[in-house]
Amino acid sequence: MTMAHIIRIAVLVSVHNRWEMTRNLLTKLQDLPIGIQICVHIVDDGSTDSTPHEITEFESITYIKGDGNLFWAKSMKLAQDSVTELVGYYLWLNNDVDLDLDFFTRIRKYIDLLPETILVGQTIDPISHVISYGGMKRIGHHPHRLKFINAQEKHELADTFCGNIVLIPSAVNESLGGIDAKYEHGFADYDFGYRAKKMGFDIRIIPGFLGTCSINPPQLGGRSRLESLKILSSRKYLPIRSQILFCKRHGGVAWPIYVISPYLRAMLKIKRFRSNRLSVGF
């Protein structure tokens, strides 16, 4: 195989504890088909388990230690900016995704078919067997109102995506300026997808499931109004600064209403939105 046929991919991963999941992911990443080369860039945002020690058993990994205050968006931006070699694609992966063994073979097929397209991988919840993360269609004007597109037979167009498995051509990433680190934790994946679509780039979902990943919704049931509001507005869920930035950027003239509505629901104990916003969780 000639050098021109080799696809170089920078794999970006943000971790915080959960070493067993990280080890499983790194082990799966070592089984590469001919024609694909990868470099793995991991930002460890303050793990207190065995991750810093155990990760040394894997070679050729760029490992960056954070202080526990980066969370997902800033960690992924740091991982992205640490890539100095020339690559054709950036691959976002969550460490809690259990990849199928034919993961790279299937990705390679769609790289060849759609080389300039953002490719989104779908995951299935191992217990409920429903789609857990993937590409989504926007419903109406509310930027958080999204519906999963369950692509099984053919690749489908999406409006945005969860950041669990996403392959981004380098030229597209450069045009968008990469992940926006102004977000504290989540939002940055949805934001990237919306920005890409506004700039005219295609987002396509690879058909079928590329792995399993558990759904991890916020647990607000049985809590007081104040406790629910505190959890909802924390950095891991809907922090107010990220909420304002996201809704103002993608919500149109009604963005102030979209900003405050989830907090009002929490305070009024109204059955609130059900979302997989935790697509990018620790």
Protein backbone atom coordinates (compact mmCIF):
# COMPACT_ATOMS: atom_id res chain seq x y z
CA MET A 1 0.00 0.00 0.00
CA THR A 2 1.38 3.40 -0.98
CA MET A 3 1.80 6.26 1.43
CA ALA A 4 -0.99 8.12 -0.40
CA HIS A 5 -3.50 5.49 0.72
CA ILE A 6 -2.66 5.72 4.42
CA ILE A 7 -5.20 7.60 6.53
CA ARG A 8 -3.77 9.34 9.58
CA ILE A 9 -6.14 9.99 12.46
CA ALA A 10 -5.57 11.89 15.71
CA VAL A 11 -7.69 10.26 18.43
CA LEU A 12 -8.80 12.73 21.12
CA VAL A 13 -9.94 11.45 24.51
CA SER A 14 -10.84 13.19 27.77
CA VAL A 15 -10.69 11.04 30.92
CA HIS A 16 -11.38 11.39 34.62
CA ASN A 17 -10.90 8.16 36.58
CA ARG A 18 -12.65 5.01 35.19
CA TRP A 19 -9.31 3.41 34.29
CA GLU A 20 -10.87 0.07 33.33
CA MET A 21 -12.92 1.80 30.63
CA THR A 22 -9.90 3.73 29.40
CA ARG A 23 -7.78 0.57 29.23
CA ASN A 24 -10.49 -1.22 27.27
CA LEU A 25 -10.67 1.67 24.81
CA LEU A 26 -6.90 1.87 24.35
CA THR A 27 -6.70 -1.88 23.83
CA LYS A 28 -9.34 -1.72 21.09
CA LEU A 29 -7.48 1.14 19.41
CA GLN A 30 -4.40 -1.04 18.92
CA ASP A 31 -6.18 -3.36 16.49
CA LEU A 32 -5.83 -1.32 13.31
CA PRO A 33 -6.57 -2.42 9.75
CA ILE A 34 -4.00 -1.86 7.02
CA GLY A 35 -4.11 1.70 5.76
CA ILE A 36 -4.94 3.47 9.03
CA GLN A 37 -2.43 5.07 11.37
CA ILE A 38 -3.40 6.81 14.61
CA CYS A 39 -1.89 9.00 17.28
CA VAL A 40 -3.72 9.07 20.61
CA HIS A 41 -3.93 12.28 22.64
CA ILE A 42 -5.41 11.91 26.13
CA VAL A 43 -6.12 14.69 28.59
CA ASP A 44 -6.56 13.34 32.12
CA ASP A 45 -8.52 15.91 34.08
CA GLY A 46 -7.29 15.11 37.58
CA SER A 47 -7.84 11.35 37.89
CA THR A 48 -7.40 10.06 41.44
CA ASP A 49 -7.53 6.36 40.56
CA SER A 50 -4.74 4.33 38.95
CA THR A 51 -5.02 6.06 35.55
CA PRO A 52 -1.77 8.12 35.76
CA HIS A 53 0.25 5.02 36.63
CA GLU A 54 -1.48 2.39 34.51
CA ILE A 55 -1.55 4.43 31.32
CA THR A 56 2.24 4.17 31.05
CA GLU A 57 1.81 0.56 29.89
CA PHE A 58 0.59 1.90 26.56
CA GLU A 59 3.18 3.31 24.19
CA SER A 60 2.95 6.20 21.74
CA ILE A 61 0.31 8.15 23.65
CA THR A 62 0.45 11.87 24.26
CA TYR A 63 -0.70 12.12 27.88
CA ILE A 64 -1.56 15.49 29.41
CA LYS A 65 -2.43 15.87 33.09
CA GLY A 66 -5.07 18.38 34.13
CA ASP A 67 -5.98 19.67 37.57
CA GLY A 68 -9.60 18.53 37.65
CA ASN A 69 -11.06 21.85 36.49
CA LEU A 70 -11.01 21.36 32.73
CA PHE A 71 -14.06 19.12 32.22
CA TRP A 72 -14.90 17.81 28.73
CA ALA A 73 -14.85 20.80 26.40
CA LYS A 74 -11.59 22.30 27.63
CA SER A 75 -9.97 18.86 27.88
CA MET A 76 -10.85 18.00 24.30
CA LYS A 77 -9.65 21.38 23.07
CA LEU A 78 -6.35 20.83 24.87
CA ALA A 79 -6.05 17.34 23.36
CA GLN A 80 -6.76 18.74 19.91
CA ASP A 81 -4.19 21.53 20.28
CA SER A 82 -1.54 19.03 21.37
CA VAL A 83 -1.58 17.38 17.92
CA THR A 84 1.54 18.52 16.11
CA GLU A 85 1.80 15.83 13.42
CA LEU A 86 0.03 16.11 10.09
CA VAL A 87 -3.27 14.21 10.21
CA GLY A 88 -6.22 13.87 7.90
CA TYR A 89 -8.86 13.46 10.59
CA TYR A 90 -9.65 14.04 14.25
CA LEU A 91 -11.56 11.29 16.04
CA TRP A 92 -13.44 12.21 19.22
CA LEU A 93 -13.97 9.26 21.54
CA ASN A 94 -15.46 8.94 25.02
CA ASN A 95 -13.65 6.45 27.20
CA ASP A 96 -16.91 4.81 28.29
CA VAL A 97 -17.63 3.63 24.73
CA ASP A 98 -17.00 -0.09 24.22
CA LEU A 99 -16.04 -0.16 20.54
CA ASP A 100 -16.98 -3.01 18.23
CA LEU A 101 -14.02 -5.00 16.91
CA ASP A 102 -14.67 -3.90 13.30
CA PHE A 103 -14.83 -0.22 14.32
CA PHE A 104 -11.97 1.06 12.15
CA THR A 105 -12.88 -1.14 9.18
CA ARG A 106 -16.36 0.36 9.09
CA ILE A 107 -15.04 3.89 9.59
CA ARG A 108 -12.56 3.37 6.75
CA LYS A 109 -15.41 2.40 4.41
CA TYR A 110 -17.19 5.70 5.01
CA ILE A 111 -14.00 7.76 4.88
CA ASP A 112 -13.50 6.41 1.37
CA LEU A 113 -17.15 7.06 0.51
CA LEU A 114 -17.53 10.51 2.16
CA PRO A 115 -14.00 11.90 2.63
CA GLU A 116 -15.00 15.53 3.35
CA THR A 117 -17.92 14.74 5.67
CA ILE A 118 -18.21 14.75 9.46
CA LEU A 119 -18.99 11.13 10.34
CA VAL A 120 -20.95 10.31 13.49
CA GLY A 121 -20.91 6.90 15.15
CA GLN A 122 -23.96 5.55 16.98
CA THR A 123 -23.89 3.65 20.26
CA ILE A 124 -26.48 1.40 21.89
CA ASP A 125 -27.24 1.12 25.59
CA PRO A 126 -26.12 -2.38 26.72
CA ILE A 127 -29.09 -2.79 29.08
CA SER A 128 -32.09 -1.17 27.38
CA HIS A 129 -30.80 -1.87 23.85
CA VAL A 130 -31.96 1.52 22.61
CA ILE A 131 -29.80 4.09 20.86
CA SER A 132 -27.84 6.00 23.50
CA TYR A 133 -25.75 8.49 21.51
CA GLY A 134 -25.26 9.51 17.91
CA GLY A 135 -26.52 12.02 15.37
CA MET A 136 -29.65 14.12 15.84
CA LYS A 137 -32.26 16.14 14.04
CA ARG A 138 -33.32 19.51 15.42
CA ILE A 139 -37.02 19.82 16.22
CA GLY A 140 -38.25 23.39 15.86
CA HIS A 141 -36.33 26.46 16.99
CA HIS A 142 -35.24 25.38 20.47
CA PRO A 143 -31.53 24.44 20.21
CA HIS A 144 -31.87 21.73 22.88
CA ARG A 145 -34.92 20.10 21.29
CA LEU A 146 -33.32 17.24 19.40
CA LYS A 147 -34.31 13.76 18.29
CA PHE A 148 -31.97 10.85 17.61
CA ILE A 149 -31.81 9.63 14.02
CA ASN A 150 -31.53 5.86 14.21
CA ALA A 151 -29.59 5.15 11.01
CA GLN A 152 -29.43 1.40 10.39
CA GLU A 153 -29.68 0.75 6.66
CA LYS A 154 -27.86 3.74 5.15
CA HIS A 155 -25.94 6.84 6.18
CA GLU A 156 -28.25 9.70 7.19
CA LEU A 157 -27.86 13.47 7.34
CA ALA A 158 -27.90 15.00 10.84
CA ASP A 159 -28.18 18.52 12.23
CA THR A 160 -25.73 17.93 15.08
CA PHE A 161 -24.38 15.13 17.27
CA CYS A 162 -23.24 13.82 20.62
CA GLY A 163 -19.46 13.85 20.98
CA ASN A 164 -19.01 10.17 21.90
CA ILE A 165 -17.82 8.98 18.45
CA VAL A 166 -17.18 11.66 15.84
CA LEU A 167 -14.71 11.71 12.95
CA ILE A 168 -13.90 15.20 11.65
CA PRO A 169 -11.81 15.96 8.56
CA SER A 170 -8.89 18.22 9.44
CA ALA A 171 -9.93 20.84 6.89
CA VAL A 172 -13.40 21.05 8.47
CA ASN A 173 -11.94 21.27 11.95
CA GLU A 174 -9.63 24.07 10.88
CA SER A 175 -12.48 25.99 9.24
CA LEU A 176 -14.50 25.88 12.46
CA GLY A 177 -11.57 26.57 14.76
CA GLY A 178 -12.05 23.25 16.53
CA ILE A 179 -13.93 22.69 19.76
CA ASP A 180 -14.99 25.88 21.52
CA ALA A 181 -13.38 25.83 24.96
CA LYS A 182 -15.65 28.62 26.19
CA TYR A 183 -18.08 25.86 27.15
CA GLU A 184 -17.48 24.36 30.56
CA HIS A 185 -18.35 20.74 29.91
CA GLY A 186 -21.15 19.82 27.52
CA PHE A 187 -22.68 21.93 24.72
CA ALA A 188 -19.41 21.98 22.78
CA ASP A 189 -20.38 18.93 20.71
CA TYR A 190 -23.85 20.22 19.80
CA ASP A 191 -22.34 23.64 19.14
CA PHE A 192 -19.71 22.19 16.81
CA GLY A 193 -22.39 20.39 14.82
CA TYR A 194 -24.59 23.46 14.52
CA ARG A 195 -21.65 25.62 13.47
CA ALA A 196 -20.56 23.04 10.89
CA LYS A 197 -24.03 22.90 9.36
CA LYS A 198 -24.26 26.70 9.21
CA MET A 199 -20.98 26.72 7.28
CA GLY A 200 -22.32 24.19 4.79
CA PHE A 201 -20.51 21.05 5.93
CA ASP A 202 -22.32 17.72 5.80
CA ILE A 203 -22.85 15.65 8.95
CA ARG A 204 -23.59 11.99 8.22
CA ILE A 205 -24.38 9.12 10.57
CA ILE A 206 -22.60 5.83 9.93
CA PRO A 207 -25.34 3.17 9.77
CA GLY A 208 -25.53 0.58 12.51
CA PHE A 209 -23.94 0.75 15.94
CA LEU A 210 -20.18 1.13 16.37
CA GLY A 211 -20.21 0.19 20.06
CA THR A 212 -22.10 0.26 23.33
CA CYS A 213 -22.38 3.13 25.80
CA SER A 214 -24.69 3.47 28.78
CA ILE A 215 -27.20 6.30 28.99
CA ASN A 216 -26.37 8.60 31.86
CA PRO A 217 -29.24 11.04 32.51
CA PRO A 218 -29.29 13.53 35.41
CA GLN A 219 -30.94 12.16 38.56
CA LEU A 220 -33.31 14.84 39.88
CA GLY A 221 -36.21 12.70 41.04
CA GLY A 222 -37.19 13.02 44.69
CA ARG A 223 -35.01 16.06 45.28
CA SER A 224 -36.06 19.45 46.59
CA ARG A 225 -36.43 22.41 44.26
CA LEU A 226 -33.19 23.93 45.51
CA GLU A 227 -31.28 20.64 45.17
CA SER A 228 -32.63 20.12 41.64
CA LEU A 229 -31.65 23.64 40.63
CA LYS A 230 -28.18 23.24 42.12
CA ILE A 231 -27.56 19.99 40.22
CA LEU A 232 -29.02 21.34 36.99
CA SER A 233 -26.87 24.49 37.05
CA SER A 234 -23.64 22.69 37.97
CA ARG A 235 -20.75 22.54 35.52
CA LYS A 236 -21.54 18.98 34.49
CA TYR A 237 -25.13 19.66 33.38
CA LEU A 238 -26.49 23.10 32.40
CA PRO A 239 -24.08 25.75 33.78
CA ILE A 240 -25.53 29.17 33.20
CA ARG A 241 -22.62 30.68 31.25
CA SER A 242 -22.55 27.78 28.79
CA GLN A 243 -26.33 27.84 28.57
CA ILE A 244 -26.32 31.54 27.67
CA LEU A 245 -23.55 31.15 25.09
CA PHE A 246 -25.22 28.16 23.45
CA CYS A 247 -28.76 29.54 23.36
CA LYS A 248 -27.67 33.00 22.25
CA ARG A 249 -25.59 31.50 19.44
CA HIS A 250 -28.15 28.97 18.20
CA GLY A 251 -31.56 29.96 19.64
CA GLY A 252 -32.54 32.98 17.57
CA VAL A 253 -34.57 35.84 19.02
CA ALA A 254 -36.18 33.62 21.68
CA TRP A 255 -32.82 32.66 23.21
CA PRO A 256 -33.45 34.32 26.64
CA ILE A 257 -36.55 32.15 27.09
CA TYR A 258 -34.58 29.02 26.19
CA VAL A 259 -31.92 29.98 28.73
CA ILE A 260 -34.19 30.27 31.74
CA SER A 261 -36.84 27.64 30.98
CA PRO A 262 -35.03 24.54 32.37
CA TYR A 263 -34.19 26.31 35.63
CA LEU A 264 -37.80 27.47 36.00
CA ARG A 265 -39.02 23.92 35.44
CA ALA A 266 -36.70 22.67 38.15
CA MET A 267 -37.88 25.31 40.59
CA LEU A 268 -41.57 24.76 39.80
CA LYS A 269 -41.19 20.96 39.89
CA ILE A 270 -42.63 20.73 36.38
CA LYS A 271 -41.83 17.45 34.66
CA ARG A 272 -38.77 18.67 32.89
CA PHE A 273 -37.06 18.05 29.59
CA ARG A 274 -35.69 14.59 28.99
CA SER A 275 -32.40 14.84 27.25
CA ASN A 276 -29.21 12.98 26.56
CA ARG A 277 -27.30 16.18 27.19
CA LEU A 278 -24.85 14.06 29.14
CA SER A 279 -23.39 12.83 25.88
CA VAL A 280 -20.01 14.04 27.00
CA GLY A 281 -19.87 13.07 30.64
CA PHE A 282 -17.19 11.93 33.00
